[in-house]
Amino acid sequence: MLDLRTPAGLFFSMLGVILLALGIFSPGLRAALTDVNVNLYCGIAILLFGAVMLVLAYRKRL
């Protein structure tokens, strides 16, 4: 049976990579009322969350 953490980890990792790439290569795309690169920081956080989910799914298999 497939653990739910595996597809969730893959989804969040892919989403995090996309946001991280947008934050790095298009820094002008940001929220209207802030100077902070939200795509970059959210991409890092979502990528870390996806990696944690994948690590937890991998540890359960062992």
PDB file of N, CA and C in Angstrom:
ATOM      1  N   MET A   1       0.844  -1.181   0.000  1.00  0.00           N
ATOM      2  CA  MET A   1       0.000   0.000   0.000  1.00  0.00           C
ATOM      3  C   MET A   1       0.892   1.249   0.000  1.00  0.00           C
ATOM      4  N   LEU A   2       0.501   2.217  -0.801  1.00  0.00           N
ATOM      5  CA  LEU A   2       1.288   3.429  -0.950  1.00  0.00           C
ATOM      6  C   LEU A   2       1.055   4.360   0.231  1.00  0.00           C
ATOM      7  N   ASP A   3       2.131   4.806   0.819  1.00  0.00           N
ATOM      8  CA  ASP A   3       2.054   5.744   1.931  1.00  0.00           C
ATOM      9  C   ASP A   3       1.690   7.121   1.392  1.00  0.00           C
ATOM     10  N   LEU A   4       0.821   7.831   2.063  1.00  0.00           N
ATOM     11  CA  LEU A   4       0.369   9.143   1.609  1.00  0.00           C
ATOM     12  C   LEU A   4       1.492  10.175   1.632  1.00  0.00           C
ATOM     13  N   ARG A   5       2.517   9.927   2.431  1.00  0.00           N
ATOM     14  CA  ARG A   5       3.612  10.895   2.511  1.00  0.00           C
ATOM     15  C   ARG A   5       4.438  10.938   1.227  1.00  0.00           C
ATOM     16  N   THR A   6       4.471   9.851   0.477  1.00  0.00           N
ATOM     17  CA  THR A   6       5.261   9.830  -0.760  1.00  0.00           C
ATOM     18  C   THR A   6       4.687  10.761  -1.828  1.00  0.00           C
ATOM     19  N   PRO A   7       3.417  10.621  -2.232  1.00  0.00           N
ATOM     20  CA  PRO A   7       2.922  11.571  -3.240  1.00  0.00           C
ATOM     21  C   PRO A   7       2.824  13.005  -2.718  1.00  0.00           C
ATOM     22  N   ALA A   8       2.530  13.181  -1.433  1.00  0.00           N
ATOM     23  CA  ALA A   8       2.484  14.529  -0.875  1.00  0.00           C
ATOM     24  C   ALA A   8       3.881  15.150  -0.893  1.00  0.00           C
ATOM     25  N   GLY A   9       4.887  14.372  -0.547  1.00  0.00           N
ATOM     26  CA  GLY A   9       6.263  14.867  -0.577  1.00  0.00           C
ATOM     27  C   GLY A   9       6.710  15.220  -1.987  1.00  0.00           C
ATOM     28  N   LEU A  10       6.329  14.398  -2.966  1.00  0.00           N
ATOM     29  CA  LEU A  10       6.673  14.700  -4.350  1.00  0.00           C
ATOM     30  C   LEU A  10       5.972  15.965  -4.833  1.00  0.00           C
ATOM     31  N   PHE A  11       4.687  16.104  -4.484  1.00  0.00           N
ATOM     32  CA  PHE A  11       3.931  17.285  -4.891  1.00  0.00           C
ATOM     33  C   PHE A  11       4.538  18.552  -4.297  1.00  0.00           C
ATOM     34  N   PHE A  12       4.774  18.552  -2.993  1.00  0.00           N
ATOM     35  CA  PHE A  12       5.308  19.752  -2.362  1.00  0.00           C
ATOM     36  C   PHE A  12       6.742  20.032  -2.813  1.00  0.00           C
ATOM     37  N   SER A  13       7.508  19.010  -3.098  1.00  0.00           N
ATOM     38  CA  SER A  13       8.869  19.231  -3.590  1.00  0.00           C
ATOM     39  C   SER A  13       8.850  19.878  -4.972  1.00  0.00           C
ATOM     40  N   MET A  14       7.977  19.390  -5.848  1.00  0.00           N
ATOM     41  CA  MET A  14       7.881  19.989  -7.182  1.00  0.00           C
ATOM     42  C   MET A  14       7.379  21.431  -7.104  1.00  0.00           C
ATOM     43  N   LEU A  15       6.396  21.678  -6.268  1.00  0.00           N
ATOM     44  CA  LEU A  15       5.879  23.030  -6.094  1.00  0.00           C
ATOM     45  C   LEU A  15       6.951  23.954  -5.518  1.00  0.00           C
ATOM     46  N   GLY A  16       7.714  23.452  -4.565  1.00  0.00           N
ATOM     47  CA  GLY A  16       8.793  24.244  -3.979  1.00  0.00           C
ATOM     48  C   GLY A  16       9.877  24.579  -4.985  1.00  0.00           C
ATOM     49  N   VAL A  17      10.208  23.632  -5.859  1.00  0.00           N
ATOM     50  CA  VAL A  17      11.221  23.889  -6.885  1.00  0.00           C
ATOM     51  C   VAL A  17      10.728  24.951  -7.865  1.00  0.00           C
ATOM     52  N   ILE A  18       9.450  24.876  -8.241  1.00  0.00           N
ATOM     53  CA  ILE A  18       8.897  25.873  -9.161  1.00  0.00           C
ATOM     54  C   ILE A  18       8.926  27.267  -8.533  1.00  0.00           C
ATOM     55  N   LEU A  19       8.483  27.380  -7.285  1.00  0.00           N
ATOM     56  CA  LEU A  19       8.493  28.685  -6.627  1.00  0.00           C
ATOM     57  C   LEU A  19       9.913  29.195  -6.396  1.00  0.00           C
ATOM     58  N   LEU A  20      10.808  28.293  -6.054  1.00  0.00           N
ATOM     59  CA  LEU A  20      12.203  28.678  -5.853  1.00  0.00           C
ATOM     60  C   LEU A  20      12.808  29.198  -7.152  1.00  0.00           C
ATOM     61  N   ALA A  21      12.524  28.525  -8.257  1.00  0.00           N
ATOM     62  CA  ALA A  21      13.032  28.979  -9.558  1.00  0.00           C
ATOM     63  C   ALA A  21      12.443  30.336  -9.935  1.00  0.00           C
ATOM     64  N   LEU A  22      11.151  30.528  -9.678  1.00  0.00           N
ATOM     65  CA  LEU A  22      10.544  31.828  -9.948  1.00  0.00           C
ATOM     66  C   LEU A  22      11.164  32.921  -9.087  1.00  0.00           C
ATOM     67  N   GLY A  23      11.460  32.595  -7.839  1.00  0.00           N
ATOM     68  CA  GLY A  23      12.073  33.568  -6.955  1.00  0.00           C
ATOM     69  C   GLY A  23      13.481  33.946  -7.367  1.00  0.00           C
ATOM     70  N   ILE A  24      14.205  32.988  -7.924  1.00  0.00           N
ATOM     71  CA  ILE A  24      15.588  33.251  -8.325  1.00  0.00           C
ATOM     72  C   ILE A  24      15.650  33.949  -9.681  1.00  0.00           C
ATOM     73  N   PHE A  25      14.896  33.438 -10.665  1.00  0.00           N
ATOM     74  CA  PHE A  25      15.023  33.933 -12.032  1.00  0.00           C
ATOM     75  C   PHE A  25      14.080  35.088 -12.363  1.00  0.00           C
ATOM     76  N   SER A  26      13.052  35.308 -11.559  1.00  0.00           N
ATOM     77  CA  SER A  26      12.132  36.434 -11.786  1.00  0.00           C
ATOM     78  C   SER A  26      11.887  37.173 -10.478  1.00  0.00           C
ATOM     79  N   PRO A  27      12.890  37.852  -9.968  1.00  0.00           N
ATOM     80  CA  PRO A  27      12.704  38.522  -8.680  1.00  0.00           C
ATOM     81  C   PRO A  27      11.726  39.697  -8.747  1.00  0.00           C
ATOM     82  N   GLY A  28      11.395  40.168  -9.945  1.00  0.00           N
ATOM     83  CA  GLY A  28      10.455  41.266 -10.077  1.00  0.00           C
ATOM     84  C   GLY A  28       9.013  40.843  -9.819  1.00  0.00           C
ATOM     85  N   LEU A  29       8.724  39.549  -9.909  1.00  0.00           N
ATOM     86  CA  LEU A  29       7.378  39.039  -9.620  1.00  0.00           C
ATOM     87  C   LEU A  29       7.245  38.881  -8.117  1.00  0.00           C
ATOM     88  N   ARG A  30       6.703  39.880  -7.477  1.00  0.00           N
ATOM     89  CA  ARG A  30       6.557  39.824  -6.030  1.00  0.00           C
ATOM     90  C   ARG A  30       5.217  40.427  -5.645  1.00  0.00           C
ATOM     91  N   ALA A  31       4.870  40.295  -4.396  1.00  0.00           N
ATOM     92  CA  ALA A  31       3.615  40.858  -3.906  1.00  0.00           C
ATOM     93  C   ALA A  31       3.632  42.372  -4.072  1.00  0.00           C
ATOM     94  N   ALA A  32       2.465  42.945  -4.297  1.00  0.00           N
ATOM     95  CA  ALA A  32       2.378  44.367  -4.641  1.00  0.00           C
ATOM     96  C   ALA A  32       2.805  45.297  -3.504  1.00  0.00           C
ATOM     97  N   LEU A  33       2.563  44.935  -2.276  1.00  0.00           N
ATOM     98  CA  LEU A  33       2.807  45.850  -1.162  1.00  0.00           C
ATOM     99  C   LEU A  33       4.073  45.544  -0.367  1.00  0.00           C
ATOM    100  N   THR A  34       4.955  44.744  -0.921  1.00  0.00           N
ATOM    101  CA  THR A  34       6.166  44.394  -0.177  1.00  0.00           C
ATOM    102  C   THR A  34       7.368  44.365  -1.112  1.00  0.00           C
ATOM    103  N   ASP A  35       8.529  44.529  -0.545  1.00  0.00           N
ATOM    104  CA  ASP A  35       9.774  44.420  -1.302  1.00  0.00           C
ATOM    105  C   ASP A  35      10.436  43.070  -1.105  1.00  0.00           C
ATOM    106  N   VAL A  36       9.794  42.189  -0.346  1.00  0.00           N
ATOM    107  CA  VAL A  36      10.341  40.869  -0.045  1.00  0.00           C
ATOM    108  C   VAL A  36      10.028  39.923  -1.196  1.00  0.00           C
ATOM    109  N   ASN A  37      10.968  39.094  -1.551  1.00  0.00           N
ATOM    110  CA  ASN A  37      10.773  38.096  -2.597  1.00  0.00           C
ATOM    111  C   ASN A  37      10.033  36.892  -1.991  1.00  0.00           C
ATOM    112  N   VAL A  38       8.716  36.956  -2.013  1.00  0.00           N
ATOM    113  CA  VAL A  38       7.886  35.949  -1.356  1.00  0.00           C
ATOM    114  C   VAL A  38       8.031  34.591  -2.025  1.00  0.00           C
ATOM    115  N   ASN A  39       8.165  34.566  -3.353  1.00  0.00           N
ATOM    116  CA  ASN A  39       8.306  33.290  -4.060  1.00  0.00           C
ATOM    117  C   ASN A  39       9.553  32.535  -3.598  1.00  0.00           C
ATOM    118  N   LEU A  40      10.620  33.261  -3.376  1.00  0.00           N
ATOM    119  CA  LEU A  40      11.869  32.628  -2.951  1.00  0.00           C
ATOM    120  C   LEU A  40      11.728  31.993  -1.571  1.00  0.00           C
ATOM    121  N   TYR A  41      11.215  32.760  -0.616  1.00  0.00           N
ATOM    122  CA  TYR A  41      11.130  32.257   0.750  1.00  0.00           C
ATOM    123  C   TYR A  41      10.071  31.155   0.897  1.00  0.00           C
ATOM    124  N   CYS A  42       8.944  31.317   0.233  1.00  0.00           N
ATOM    125  CA  CYS A  42       7.923  30.267   0.287  1.00  0.00           C
ATOM    126  C   CYS A  42       8.398  29.018  -0.448  1.00  0.00           C
ATOM    127  N   GLY A  43       9.130  29.193  -1.537  1.00  0.00           N
ATOM    128  CA  GLY A  43       9.675  28.047  -2.262  1.00  0.00           C
ATOM    129  C   GLY A  43      10.637  27.244  -1.411  1.00  0.00           C
ATOM    130  N   ILE A  44      11.475  27.936  -0.646  1.00  0.00           N
ATOM    131  CA  ILE A  44      12.407  27.248   0.251  1.00  0.00           C
ATOM    132  C   ILE A  44      11.643  26.478   1.325  1.00  0.00           C
ATOM    133  N   ALA A  45      10.642  27.119   1.920  1.00  0.00           N
ATOM    134  CA  ALA A  45       9.872  26.474   2.994  1.00  0.00           C
ATOM    135  C   ALA A  45       9.097  25.269   2.476  1.00  0.00           C
ATOM    136  N   ILE A  46       8.462  25.402   1.320  1.00  0.00           N
ATOM    137  CA  ILE A  46       7.676  24.292   0.772  1.00  0.00           C
ATOM    138  C   ILE A  46       8.588  23.157   0.325  1.00  0.00           C
ATOM    139  N   LEU A  47       9.738  23.484  -0.231  1.00  0.00           N
ATOM    140  CA  LEU A  47      10.695  22.446  -0.625  1.00  0.00           C
ATOM    141  C   LEU A  47      11.204  21.684   0.588  1.00  0.00           C
ATOM    142  N   LEU A  48      11.481  22.374   1.675  1.00  0.00           N
ATOM    143  CA  LEU A  48      11.912  21.698   2.901  1.00  0.00           C
ATOM    144  C   LEU A  48      10.817  20.804   3.457  1.00  0.00           C
ATOM    145  N   PHE A  49       9.566  21.271   3.413  1.00  0.00           N
ATOM    146  CA  PHE A  49       8.453  20.453   3.876  1.00  0.00           C
ATOM    147  C   PHE A  49       8.314  19.189   3.028  1.00  0.00           C
ATOM    148  N   GLY A  50       8.415  19.329   1.713  1.00  0.00           N
ATOM    149  CA  GLY A  50       8.349  18.165   0.834  1.00  0.00           C
ATOM    150  C   GLY A  50       9.485  17.191   1.085  1.00  0.00           C
ATOM    151  N   ALA A  51      10.673  17.714   1.339  1.00  0.00           N
ATOM    152  CA  ALA A  51      11.816  16.841   1.636  1.00  0.00           C
ATOM    153  C   ALA A  51      11.608  16.090   2.944  1.00  0.00           C
ATOM    154  N   VAL A  52      11.051  16.751   3.947  1.00  0.00           N
ATOM    155  CA  VAL A  52      10.768  16.086   5.222  1.00  0.00           C
ATOM    156  C   VAL A  52       9.746  14.969   5.022  1.00  0.00           C
ATOM    157  N   MET A  53       8.715  15.233   4.222  1.00  0.00           N
ATOM    158  CA  MET A  53       7.710  14.203   3.952  1.00  0.00           C
ATOM    159  C   MET A  53       8.331  13.001   3.248  1.00  0.00           C
ATOM    160  N   LEU A  54       9.215  13.253   2.296  1.00  0.00           N
ATOM    161  CA  LEU A  54       9.864  12.144   1.590  1.00  0.00           C
ATOM    162  C   LEU A  54      10.799  11.365   2.505  1.00  0.00           C
ATOM    163  N   VAL A  55      11.501  12.061   3.380  1.00  0.00           N
ATOM    164  CA  VAL A  55      12.390  11.380   4.326  1.00  0.00           C
ATOM    165  C   VAL A  55      11.574  10.510   5.282  1.00  0.00           C
ATOM    166  N   LEU A  56      10.453  11.023   5.773  1.00  0.00           N
ATOM    167  CA  LEU A  56       9.604  10.232   6.668  1.00  0.00           C
ATOM    168  C   LEU A  56       9.021   9.018   5.961  1.00  0.00           C
ATOM    169  N   ALA A  57       8.650   9.168   4.689  1.00  0.00           N
ATOM    170  CA  ALA A  57       8.127   8.030   3.926  1.00  0.00           C
ATOM    171  C   ALA A  57       9.220   7.001   3.690  1.00  0.00           C
ATOM    172  N   TYR A  58      10.440   7.461   3.447  1.00  0.00           N
ATOM    173  CA  TYR A  58      11.550   6.537   3.212  1.00  0.00           C
ATOM    174  C   TYR A  58      11.919   5.789   4.498  1.00  0.00           C
ATOM    175  N   ARG A  59      11.890   6.488   5.633  1.00  0.00           N
ATOM    176  CA  ARG A  59      12.243   5.852   6.907  1.00  0.00           C
ATOM    177  C   ARG A  59      11.234   4.785   7.294  1.00  0.00           C
ATOM    178  N   LYS A  60       9.983   4.947   6.924  1.00  0.00           N
ATOM    179  CA  LYS A  60       8.970   3.960   7.252  1.00  0.00           C
ATOM    180  C   LYS A  60       9.189   2.666   6.489  1.00  0.00           C
ATOM    181  N   ARG A  61       9.722   2.770   5.266  1.00  0.00           N
ATOM    182  CA  ARG A  61       9.977   1.575   4.451  1.00  0.00           C
ATOM    183  C   ARG A  61      11.076   0.705   5.032  1.00  0.00           C
ATOM    184  N   LEU A  62      12.005   1.311   5.739  1.00  0.00           N
ATOM    185  CA  LEU A  62      13.143   0.538   6.275  1.00  0.00           C
ATOM    186  C   LEU A  62      12.769  -0.264   7.446  1.00  0.00           C
TER     187      LEU A  62
END
